Amino acid sequence: MAYFAAVLARSEDGWDVSETELDDVETLADLTDLAREAAQDDDSVLVFIEQEDAWFAIVRVDGEEDPRIFVSDGATAARSSYGSVLTDELVDQAGESEFGDLDDLVAELEDGAEAEAQEDDEDGDGRGGVPVGPLGDAHLLTEFGLAAEELLALSGEGAVPGDALEEIAEALGCGEVLEAVR
C-alpha cells in the first residue's frame, strides 16, 4: 500500500512543509516524536497521512501536549498499518476527556451510519470497534481557519482523501508548498 506523509511545521513565516517517511513509525509516540523533531520552538506541527485515496489523517502536535488526531474514515484506516496506529489510539481513548468531542462524534456516526456499517461486517463497525466514517478531533484545525464542519465535509461520502488534503492545505495557506512535495 502506498502512503503519502508530510510534516507541516508552523513558523513565524507560515508553514514549512516536507515529505516524510513513516518506515520507523510503529506507535503514536514514534509519530509524535517525528513531529516534535520538525517543530520550531513549541509551535504547532501537523502530520498529514494519506493512503491511496482510501483515507487520510491529520495529527497535530503542540509542544509537549498530547497529540490530537483526526482520521477521515476510521474503519478503512484501521485496516492499514499506519492507520491502525491512530485508530487504535482513538478507540483506546474513547470516553476520556483528551478527545473531548469523540464520544459525540462516535454516537452521531453510529446513529447515522448504522445500516451502512452493518453491511461492512456483522459487528456494525469496521474493525475491532472502530466506526465507519470520521473519527477523532474534528476541531484540531479550527484555530488555523478550518472549522470542524468543513473538515467533516471533506471527509464525507464521495470525498477523495488526496483532494481533501489539498483543500485543507489551501485553507492553511500552504497548498502550493504541499503540492510541491507530493
N, C-alpha and C. Protein backbone atom coordinates (compact mmCIF):
# COMPACT_ATOMS: atom_id res chain seq x y z
N MET A 1 0.83 -1.18 0.00
CA MET A 1 0.00 0.00 0.00
C MET A 1 0.88 1.24 0.00
N ALA A 2 0.56 2.16 -0.86
CA ALA A 2 1.33 3.39 -0.95
C ALA A 2 0.76 4.45 -0.02
N TYR A 3 1.66 5.08 0.70
CA TYR A 3 1.29 6.15 1.61
C TYR A 3 1.97 7.43 1.19
N PHE A 4 1.32 8.55 1.49
CA PHE A 4 1.96 9.85 1.39
C PHE A 4 1.92 10.44 2.79
N ALA A 5 3.03 10.97 3.24
CA ALA A 5 3.09 11.61 4.55
C ALA A 5 3.91 12.88 4.44
N ALA A 6 3.41 13.93 5.06
CA ALA A 6 4.12 15.20 5.08
C ALA A 6 4.03 15.80 6.47
N VAL A 7 5.08 16.51 6.85
CA VAL A 7 5.13 17.22 8.11
C VAL A 7 5.02 18.70 7.80
N LEU A 8 4.08 19.37 8.46
CA LEU A 8 3.87 20.81 8.29
C LEU A 8 4.20 21.47 9.62
N ALA A 9 5.29 22.20 9.66
CA ALA A 9 5.73 22.84 10.90
C ALA A 9 5.40 24.33 10.85
N ARG A 10 4.66 24.80 11.83
CA ARG A 10 4.26 26.20 11.91
C ARG A 10 5.47 27.02 12.31
N SER A 11 5.66 28.16 11.63
CA SER A 11 6.76 29.06 11.96
C SER A 11 6.23 30.49 11.90
N GLU A 12 7.09 31.43 12.22
CA GLU A 12 6.70 32.85 12.15
C GLU A 12 6.32 33.25 10.74
N ASP A 13 6.91 32.60 9.75
CA ASP A 13 6.68 32.95 8.35
C ASP A 13 5.58 32.13 7.70
N GLY A 14 4.89 31.26 8.42
CA GLY A 14 3.86 30.41 7.84
C GLY A 14 4.12 28.96 8.16
N TRP A 15 4.08 28.13 7.13
CA TRP A 15 4.28 26.69 7.30
C TRP A 15 5.48 26.22 6.50
N ASP A 16 6.32 25.41 7.12
CA ASP A 16 7.39 24.71 6.42
C ASP A 16 6.88 23.29 6.19
N VAL A 17 6.89 22.85 4.95
CA VAL A 17 6.33 21.55 4.60
C VAL A 17 7.43 20.66 4.04
N SER A 18 7.46 19.42 4.52
CA SER A 18 8.41 18.45 3.98
C SER A 18 7.77 17.08 3.97
N GLU A 19 8.06 16.33 2.90
CA GLU A 19 7.59 14.96 2.84
C GLU A 19 8.40 14.14 3.83
N THR A 20 7.80 13.12 4.39
CA THR A 20 8.50 12.30 5.37
C THR A 20 8.19 10.83 5.13
N GLU A 21 9.05 9.99 5.63
CA GLU A 21 8.88 8.54 5.56
C GLU A 21 8.34 8.06 6.90
N LEU A 22 7.49 7.07 6.85
CA LEU A 22 6.91 6.51 8.06
C LEU A 22 7.47 5.13 8.39
N ASP A 23 8.56 4.75 7.74
CA ASP A 23 9.12 3.41 7.91
C ASP A 23 9.42 3.07 9.36
N ASP A 24 9.86 4.04 10.15
CA ASP A 24 10.22 3.78 11.54
C ASP A 24 9.08 4.04 12.52
N VAL A 25 7.90 4.36 12.02
CA VAL A 25 6.76 4.67 12.88
C VAL A 25 5.98 3.40 13.18
N GLU A 26 5.99 3.02 14.44
CA GLU A 26 5.24 1.84 14.86
C GLU A 26 4.18 2.19 15.90
N THR A 27 4.32 3.36 16.53
CA THR A 27 3.39 3.78 17.57
C THR A 27 3.07 5.26 17.40
N LEU A 28 2.04 5.70 18.12
CA LEU A 28 1.71 7.12 18.11
C LEU A 28 2.87 7.93 18.71
N ALA A 29 3.56 7.38 19.68
CA ALA A 29 4.71 8.07 20.28
C ALA A 29 5.80 8.30 19.23
N ASP A 30 6.03 7.33 18.35
CA ASP A 30 7.01 7.49 17.27
C ASP A 30 6.61 8.63 16.34
N LEU A 31 5.33 8.67 16.00
CA LEU A 31 4.82 9.72 15.11
C LEU A 31 4.90 11.09 15.79
N THR A 32 4.60 11.13 17.06
CA THR A 32 4.68 12.37 17.82
C THR A 32 6.12 12.86 17.89
N ASP A 33 7.07 11.97 18.13
CA ASP A 33 8.49 12.34 18.15
C ASP A 33 8.93 12.89 16.80
N LEU A 34 8.48 12.26 15.71
CA LEU A 34 8.79 12.74 14.37
C LEU A 34 8.30 14.17 14.18
N ALA A 35 7.11 14.45 14.65
CA ALA A 35 6.55 15.80 14.54
C ALA A 35 7.33 16.78 15.40
N ARG A 36 7.63 16.40 16.61
CA ARG A 36 8.35 17.32 17.52
C ARG A 36 9.75 17.66 16.99
N GLU A 37 10.38 16.73 16.28
CA GLU A 37 11.70 17.00 15.69
C GLU A 37 11.63 18.13 14.66
N ALA A 38 10.48 18.26 14.01
CA ALA A 38 10.32 19.30 12.98
C ALA A 38 9.86 20.64 13.56
N ALA A 39 9.45 20.64 14.81
CA ALA A 39 8.90 21.85 15.43
C ALA A 39 9.94 22.94 15.59
N GLN A 40 9.48 24.17 15.40
CA GLN A 40 10.30 25.33 15.68
C GLN A 40 9.78 25.90 17.00
N ASP A 41 10.61 25.88 18.01
CA ASP A 41 10.20 26.22 19.37
C ASP A 41 9.08 25.27 19.78
N ASP A 42 7.99 25.79 20.29
CA ASP A 42 6.86 24.94 20.66
C ASP A 42 5.67 25.18 19.74
N ASP A 43 5.95 25.65 18.51
CA ASP A 43 4.88 25.92 17.56
C ASP A 43 4.23 24.61 17.11
N SER A 44 3.05 24.75 16.54
CA SER A 44 2.28 23.59 16.09
C SER A 44 2.94 22.87 14.93
N VAL A 45 2.79 21.55 14.94
CA VAL A 45 3.24 20.72 13.83
C VAL A 45 2.06 19.82 13.46
N LEU A 46 1.83 19.71 12.16
CA LEU A 46 0.80 18.81 11.66
C LEU A 46 1.47 17.71 10.84
N VAL A 47 0.96 16.51 10.96
CA VAL A 47 1.41 15.42 10.10
C VAL A 47 0.20 15.01 9.28
N PHE A 48 0.34 15.09 7.96
CA PHE A 48 -0.69 14.63 7.04
C PHE A 48 -0.30 13.23 6.57
N ILE A 49 -1.24 12.31 6.62
CA ILE A 49 -1.01 10.96 6.12
C ILE A 49 -2.18 10.61 5.21
N GLU A 50 -1.85 10.03 4.07
CA GLU A 50 -2.90 9.59 3.14
C GLU A 50 -2.50 8.24 2.55
N GLN A 51 -3.48 7.37 2.44
CA GLN A 51 -3.23 6.08 1.81
C GLN A 51 -4.08 5.96 0.55
N GLU A 52 -3.43 5.99 -0.58
CA GLU A 52 -4.01 5.72 -1.90
C GLU A 52 -5.46 6.16 -2.05
N ASP A 53 -5.77 7.37 -1.65
CA ASP A 53 -7.12 7.92 -1.75
C ASP A 53 -8.18 7.07 -1.04
N ALA A 54 -7.76 6.28 -0.04
CA ALA A 54 -8.70 5.48 0.74
C ALA A 54 -9.10 6.21 2.03
N TRP A 55 -8.15 6.88 2.66
CA TRP A 55 -8.38 7.61 3.89
C TRP A 55 -7.24 8.60 4.10
N PHE A 56 -7.48 9.59 4.96
CA PHE A 56 -6.41 10.49 5.37
C PHE A 56 -6.51 10.73 6.87
N ALA A 57 -5.39 11.16 7.41
CA ALA A 57 -5.35 11.50 8.83
C ALA A 57 -4.52 12.75 9.02
N ILE A 58 -4.85 13.48 10.08
CA ILE A 58 -4.07 14.64 10.49
C ILE A 58 -3.76 14.44 11.96
N VAL A 59 -2.49 14.57 12.29
CA VAL A 59 -2.06 14.51 13.68
C VAL A 59 -1.47 15.87 14.00
N ARG A 60 -1.96 16.49 15.06
CA ARG A 60 -1.47 17.81 15.47
C ARG A 60 -0.71 17.66 16.78
N VAL A 61 0.50 18.23 16.80
CA VAL A 61 1.33 18.21 18.00
C VAL A 61 1.69 19.65 18.34
N ASP A 62 1.37 20.04 19.58
CA ASP A 62 1.68 21.38 20.08
C ASP A 62 2.60 21.23 21.29
N GLY A 63 3.88 21.50 21.10
CA GLY A 63 4.83 21.40 22.19
C GLY A 63 4.81 20.03 22.83
N GLU A 64 4.70 20.00 24.15
CA GLU A 64 4.71 18.74 24.88
C GLU A 64 3.30 18.21 25.16
N GLU A 65 2.27 18.87 24.61
CA GLU A 65 0.91 18.40 24.81
C GLU A 65 0.70 17.07 24.08
N ASP A 66 -0.31 16.34 24.51
CA ASP A 66 -0.66 15.09 23.84
C ASP A 66 -1.12 15.41 22.42
N PRO A 67 -0.83 14.54 21.48
CA PRO A 67 -1.24 14.78 20.09
C PRO A 67 -2.76 14.72 19.95
N ARG A 68 -3.24 15.49 18.99
CA ARG A 68 -4.66 15.47 18.62
C ARG A 68 -4.75 14.80 17.26
N ILE A 69 -5.75 13.95 17.08
CA ILE A 69 -5.82 13.11 15.89
C ILE A 69 -7.19 13.23 15.23
N PHE A 70 -7.18 13.28 13.90
CA PHE A 70 -8.41 13.18 13.12
C PHE A 70 -8.16 12.20 11.98
N VAL A 71 -9.07 11.26 11.79
CA VAL A 71 -8.98 10.27 10.72
C VAL A 71 -10.27 10.36 9.90
N SER A 72 -10.13 10.43 8.58
CA SER A 72 -11.30 10.62 7.71
C SER A 72 -12.25 9.43 7.71
N ASP A 73 -11.75 8.22 7.84
CA ASP A 73 -12.59 7.03 7.88
C ASP A 73 -11.92 6.01 8.79
N GLY A 74 -12.42 5.92 10.00
CA GLY A 74 -11.80 5.06 11.00
C GLY A 74 -11.72 3.60 10.58
N ALA A 75 -12.82 3.05 10.06
CA ALA A 75 -12.85 1.63 9.71
C ALA A 75 -11.87 1.31 8.60
N THR A 76 -11.79 2.17 7.59
CA THR A 76 -10.86 1.93 6.49
C THR A 76 -9.42 2.07 6.96
N ALA A 77 -9.14 3.11 7.74
CA ALA A 77 -7.78 3.32 8.25
C ALA A 77 -7.35 2.18 9.17
N ALA A 78 -8.28 1.63 9.92
CA ALA A 78 -7.95 0.56 10.86
C ALA A 78 -7.44 -0.69 10.16
N ARG A 79 -7.71 -0.82 8.88
CA ARG A 79 -7.25 -1.99 8.12
C ARG A 79 -5.87 -1.78 7.52
N SER A 80 -5.22 -0.67 7.82
CA SER A 80 -3.87 -0.42 7.30
C SER A 80 -2.91 -0.25 8.47
N SER A 81 -1.64 -0.47 8.21
CA SER A 81 -0.66 -0.45 9.31
C SER A 81 -0.55 0.90 10.00
N TYR A 82 -0.37 1.97 9.25
CA TYR A 82 -0.22 3.29 9.87
C TYR A 82 -1.55 3.80 10.40
N GLY A 83 -2.61 3.51 9.69
CA GLY A 83 -3.93 3.94 10.14
C GLY A 83 -4.33 3.27 11.44
N SER A 84 -3.98 2.01 11.60
CA SER A 84 -4.36 1.30 12.82
C SER A 84 -3.64 1.87 14.04
N VAL A 85 -2.45 2.41 13.85
CA VAL A 85 -1.75 3.07 14.96
C VAL A 85 -2.61 4.20 15.51
N LEU A 86 -3.25 4.95 14.61
CA LEU A 86 -4.07 6.09 15.00
C LEU A 86 -5.44 5.66 15.51
N THR A 87 -6.10 4.77 14.79
CA THR A 87 -7.45 4.37 15.20
C THR A 87 -7.43 3.59 16.50
N ASP A 88 -6.42 2.76 16.69
CA ASP A 88 -6.32 2.02 17.95
C ASP A 88 -6.21 3.00 19.12
N GLU A 89 -5.42 4.05 18.94
CA GLU A 89 -5.26 5.06 19.98
C GLU A 89 -6.59 5.77 20.24
N LEU A 90 -7.30 6.13 19.19
CA LEU A 90 -8.58 6.82 19.36
C LEU A 90 -9.61 5.94 20.04
N VAL A 91 -9.66 4.68 19.67
CA VAL A 91 -10.61 3.76 20.29
C VAL A 91 -10.23 3.53 21.75
N ASP A 92 -8.93 3.41 22.04
CA ASP A 92 -8.48 3.24 23.42
C ASP A 92 -8.83 4.46 24.27
N GLN A 93 -8.77 5.65 23.68
CA GLN A 93 -9.02 6.88 24.41
C GLN A 93 -10.49 7.30 24.44
N ALA A 94 -11.34 6.63 23.69
CA ALA A 94 -12.76 7.00 23.64
C ALA A 94 -13.32 7.04 25.06
N GLY A 95 -14.01 8.11 25.34
CA GLY A 95 -14.59 8.25 26.67
C GLY A 95 -13.71 9.05 27.61
N GLU A 96 -12.45 9.29 27.27
CA GLU A 96 -11.60 10.11 28.11
C GLU A 96 -11.61 11.53 27.57
N SER A 97 -11.41 12.49 28.44
CA SER A 97 -11.57 13.89 28.08
C SER A 97 -10.54 14.38 27.06
N GLU A 98 -9.45 13.64 26.87
CA GLU A 98 -8.41 14.04 25.94
C GLU A 98 -8.96 14.27 24.53
N PHE A 99 -9.94 13.51 24.12
CA PHE A 99 -10.60 13.67 22.83
C PHE A 99 -12.04 14.06 23.13
N GLY A 100 -12.22 15.24 23.65
CA GLY A 100 -13.47 15.69 24.21
C GLY A 100 -14.71 15.43 23.39
N ASP A 101 -14.69 15.70 22.10
CA ASP A 101 -15.91 15.53 21.31
C ASP A 101 -15.98 14.18 20.63
N LEU A 102 -15.08 13.28 20.94
CA LEU A 102 -15.06 11.97 20.29
C LEU A 102 -16.32 11.18 20.59
N ASP A 103 -16.78 11.19 21.83
CA ASP A 103 -17.98 10.43 22.17
C ASP A 103 -19.18 10.90 21.37
N ASP A 104 -19.35 12.22 21.26
CA ASP A 104 -20.47 12.76 20.49
C ASP A 104 -20.35 12.37 19.03
N LEU A 105 -19.15 12.46 18.47
CA LEU A 105 -18.94 12.12 17.07
C LEU A 105 -19.21 10.64 16.82
N VAL A 106 -18.70 9.79 17.70
CA VAL A 106 -18.94 8.35 17.56
C VAL A 106 -20.44 8.06 17.65
N ALA A 107 -21.14 8.70 18.58
CA ALA A 107 -22.58 8.46 18.71
C ALA A 107 -23.32 8.89 17.44
N GLU A 108 -22.96 10.05 16.89
CA GLU A 108 -23.59 10.51 15.65
C GLU A 108 -23.32 9.54 14.51
N LEU A 109 -22.08 9.09 14.40
CA LEU A 109 -21.74 8.17 13.33
C LEU A 109 -22.48 6.85 13.47
N GLU A 110 -22.57 6.36 14.70
CA GLU A 110 -23.26 5.09 14.92
C GLU A 110 -24.74 5.22 14.59
N ASP A 111 -25.36 6.35 14.96
CA ASP A 111 -26.77 6.56 14.66
C ASP A 111 -27.00 6.73 13.17
N GLY A 112 -26.18 7.58 12.53
CA GLY A 112 -26.39 7.92 11.13
C GLY A 112 -25.91 6.89 10.14
N ALA A 113 -24.94 6.07 10.51
CA ALA A 113 -24.35 5.14 9.56
C ALA A 113 -24.51 3.68 9.97
N GLU A 114 -25.44 3.42 10.88
CA GLU A 114 -25.59 2.06 11.40
C GLU A 114 -25.87 1.05 10.29
N ALA A 115 -26.79 1.36 9.40
CA ALA A 115 -27.12 0.42 8.33
C ALA A 115 -25.92 0.17 7.41
N GLU A 116 -25.21 1.25 7.05
CA GLU A 116 -24.03 1.11 6.19
C GLU A 116 -22.95 0.30 6.88
N ALA A 117 -22.75 0.55 8.16
CA ALA A 117 -21.72 -0.17 8.91
C ALA A 117 -22.04 -1.66 8.99
N GLN A 118 -23.31 -2.00 9.14
CA GLN A 118 -23.67 -3.40 9.25
C GLN A 118 -23.43 -4.14 7.94
N GLU A 119 -23.46 -3.42 6.82
CA GLU A 119 -23.13 -4.05 5.55
C GLU A 119 -21.65 -4.42 5.50
N ASP A 120 -20.79 -3.62 6.17
CA ASP A 120 -19.35 -3.86 6.16
C ASP A 120 -18.98 -5.13 6.93
N ASP A 121 -19.63 -5.32 8.07
CA ASP A 121 -19.37 -6.54 8.85
C ASP A 121 -20.50 -6.76 9.84
N GLU A 122 -20.48 -7.90 10.48
CA GLU A 122 -21.58 -8.27 11.34
C GLU A 122 -21.63 -7.46 12.63
N ASP A 123 -20.53 -6.90 13.08
CA ASP A 123 -20.49 -6.14 14.33
C ASP A 123 -21.02 -4.73 14.17
N GLY A 124 -21.19 -4.25 12.94
CA GLY A 124 -21.65 -2.88 12.74
C GLY A 124 -20.53 -1.87 12.86
N ASP A 125 -19.29 -2.35 12.85
CA ASP A 125 -18.15 -1.44 12.88
C ASP A 125 -17.14 -1.91 11.84
N GLY A 126 -16.08 -1.17 11.69
CA GLY A 126 -15.11 -1.52 10.66
C GLY A 126 -14.13 -2.58 11.08
N ARG A 127 -13.58 -2.47 12.28
CA ARG A 127 -12.59 -3.41 12.76
C ARG A 127 -12.43 -3.20 14.25
N GLY A 128 -12.74 -4.20 15.02
CA GLY A 128 -12.50 -4.14 16.46
C GLY A 128 -13.12 -2.95 17.14
N GLY A 129 -14.32 -2.55 16.76
CA GLY A 129 -14.98 -1.44 17.41
C GLY A 129 -14.69 -0.09 16.80
N VAL A 130 -14.03 -0.04 15.67
CA VAL A 130 -13.73 1.23 15.01
C VAL A 130 -14.89 1.58 14.08
N PRO A 131 -15.52 2.73 14.31
CA PRO A 131 -16.69 3.09 13.50
C PRO A 131 -16.32 3.47 12.06
N VAL A 132 -17.28 3.28 11.19
CA VAL A 132 -17.15 3.73 9.80
C VAL A 132 -17.33 5.25 9.80
N GLY A 133 -16.48 5.95 9.08
CA GLY A 133 -16.60 7.40 8.96
C GLY A 133 -15.54 8.13 9.78
N PRO A 134 -15.67 9.46 9.85
CA PRO A 134 -14.68 10.28 10.55
C PRO A 134 -14.56 9.91 12.02
N LEU A 135 -13.34 10.03 12.52
CA LEU A 135 -13.04 9.65 13.89
C LEU A 135 -12.00 10.60 14.46
N GLY A 136 -12.21 11.07 15.67
CA GLY A 136 -11.21 11.89 16.33
C GLY A 136 -11.66 13.32 16.54
N ASP A 137 -10.70 14.21 16.64
CA ASP A 137 -10.92 15.61 16.98
C ASP A 137 -11.09 16.45 15.72
N ALA A 138 -12.32 16.69 15.34
CA ALA A 138 -12.60 17.47 14.13
C ALA A 138 -12.30 18.95 14.31
N HIS A 139 -12.01 19.37 15.54
CA HIS A 139 -11.73 20.79 15.83
C HIS A 139 -10.23 21.10 15.81
N LEU A 140 -9.38 20.15 15.46
CA LEU A 140 -7.94 20.37 15.60
C LEU A 140 -7.39 21.45 14.68
N LEU A 141 -8.11 21.87 13.64
CA LEU A 141 -7.62 22.92 12.74
C LEU A 141 -8.42 24.21 12.84
N THR A 142 -9.34 24.29 13.78
CA THR A 142 -10.22 25.45 13.91
C THR A 142 -9.42 26.75 14.08
N GLU A 143 -8.41 26.74 14.91
CA GLU A 143 -7.66 27.97 15.14
C GLU A 143 -6.85 28.41 13.92
N PHE A 144 -6.70 27.53 12.93
CA PHE A 144 -5.99 27.87 11.69
C PHE A 144 -6.97 28.26 10.59
N GLY A 145 -8.26 28.34 10.93
CA GLY A 145 -9.26 28.81 9.97
C GLY A 145 -10.08 27.74 9.29
N LEU A 146 -9.96 26.49 9.70
CA LEU A 146 -10.76 25.42 9.09
C LEU A 146 -11.69 24.85 10.16
N ALA A 147 -12.97 25.18 10.05
CA ALA A 147 -13.97 24.76 11.02
C ALA A 147 -14.16 23.25 10.99
N ALA A 148 -14.61 22.70 12.10
CA ALA A 148 -14.86 21.27 12.21
C ALA A 148 -15.85 20.79 11.15
N GLU A 149 -16.86 21.59 10.88
CA GLU A 149 -17.87 21.21 9.88
C GLU A 149 -17.23 21.06 8.50
N GLU A 150 -16.30 21.95 8.18
CA GLU A 150 -15.61 21.88 6.88
C GLU A 150 -14.74 20.63 6.80
N LEU A 151 -14.03 20.33 7.89
CA LEU A 151 -13.18 19.14 7.91
C LEU A 151 -14.03 17.88 7.77
N LEU A 152 -15.16 17.84 8.46
CA LEU A 152 -16.05 16.69 8.35
C LEU A 152 -16.63 16.57 6.94
N ALA A 153 -16.94 17.71 6.30
CA ALA A 153 -17.45 17.68 4.93
C ALA A 153 -16.40 17.13 3.97
N LEU A 154 -15.12 17.45 4.21
CA LEU A 154 -14.04 16.94 3.36
C LEU A 154 -13.79 15.45 3.59
N SER A 155 -14.38 14.92 4.64
CA SER A 155 -14.22 13.51 4.98
C SER A 155 -15.45 12.70 4.62
N GLY A 156 -16.47 13.37 4.12
CA GLY A 156 -17.75 12.71 3.87
C GLY A 156 -17.73 11.76 2.70
N GLU A 157 -18.88 11.14 2.50
CA GLU A 157 -19.05 10.17 1.42
C GLU A 157 -18.76 10.84 0.08
N GLY A 158 -17.98 10.17 -0.72
CA GLY A 158 -17.64 10.68 -2.04
C GLY A 158 -16.42 11.59 -2.06
N ALA A 159 -15.91 11.97 -0.88
CA ALA A 159 -14.72 12.82 -0.82
C ALA A 159 -13.49 12.00 -1.18
N VAL A 160 -12.55 12.63 -1.86
CA VAL A 160 -11.29 11.98 -2.25
C VAL A 160 -10.22 12.46 -1.28
N PRO A 161 -9.63 11.55 -0.48
CA PRO A 161 -8.66 11.96 0.54
C PRO A 161 -7.52 12.84 0.04
N GLY A 162 -6.94 12.53 -1.12
CA GLY A 162 -5.85 13.37 -1.64
C GLY A 162 -6.33 14.77 -1.94
N ASP A 163 -7.51 14.90 -2.52
CA ASP A 163 -8.09 16.21 -2.79
C ASP A 163 -8.41 16.94 -1.49
N ALA A 164 -8.89 16.20 -0.50
CA ALA A 164 -9.22 16.80 0.79
C ALA A 164 -7.97 17.41 1.44
N LEU A 165 -6.85 16.68 1.40
CA LEU A 165 -5.61 17.22 1.98
C LEU A 165 -5.17 18.48 1.25
N GLU A 166 -5.35 18.51 -0.07
CA GLU A 166 -5.01 19.70 -0.83
C GLU A 166 -5.88 20.88 -0.40
N GLU A 167 -7.18 20.65 -0.23
CA GLU A 167 -8.08 21.71 0.20
C GLU A 167 -7.74 22.18 1.61
N ILE A 168 -7.40 21.26 2.48
CA ILE A 168 -7.01 21.62 3.84
C ILE A 168 -5.74 22.46 3.81
N ALA A 169 -4.76 22.04 3.02
CA ALA A 169 -3.51 22.80 2.90
C ALA A 169 -3.79 24.20 2.35
N GLU A 170 -4.67 24.32 1.37
CA GLU A 170 -5.04 25.64 0.83
C GLU A 170 -5.62 26.51 1.93
N ALA A 171 -6.52 25.94 2.75
CA ALA A 171 -7.13 26.70 3.84
C ALA A 171 -6.10 27.15 4.87
N LEU A 172 -5.04 26.36 5.03
CA LEU A 172 -3.97 26.71 5.97
C LEU A 172 -2.96 27.69 5.37
N GLY A 173 -3.04 27.88 4.04
CA GLY A 173 -2.11 28.79 3.36
C GLY A 173 -0.82 28.14 2.90
N CYS A 174 -0.84 26.82 2.74
CA CYS A 174 0.39 26.14 2.31
C CYS A 174 0.11 25.14 1.19
N GLY A 175 -0.93 25.37 0.42
CA GLY A 175 -1.31 24.44 -0.64
C GLY A 175 -0.23 24.24 -1.68
N GLU A 176 0.37 25.32 -2.14
CA GLU A 176 1.41 25.22 -3.17
C GLU A 176 2.63 24.48 -2.67
N VAL A 177 3.00 24.73 -1.42
CA VAL A 177 4.17 24.08 -0.83
C VAL A 177 3.91 22.59 -0.66
N LEU A 178 2.70 22.23 -0.22
CA LEU A 178 2.38 20.81 -0.07
C LEU A 178 2.39 20.12 -1.42
N GLU A 179 1.82 20.78 -2.42
CA GLU A 179 1.77 20.19 -3.75
C GLU A 179 3.19 19.96 -4.30
N ALA A 180 4.11 20.82 -3.95
CA ALA A 180 5.49 20.69 -4.42
C ALA A 180 6.18 19.44 -3.88
N VAL A 181 5.78 18.99 -2.67
CA VAL A 181 6.40 17.80 -2.10
C VAL A 181 5.66 16.52 -2.43
N ARG A 182 4.47 16.65 -3.01
CA ARG A 182 3.70 15.44 -3.40
C ARG A 182 4.34 14.88 -4.60
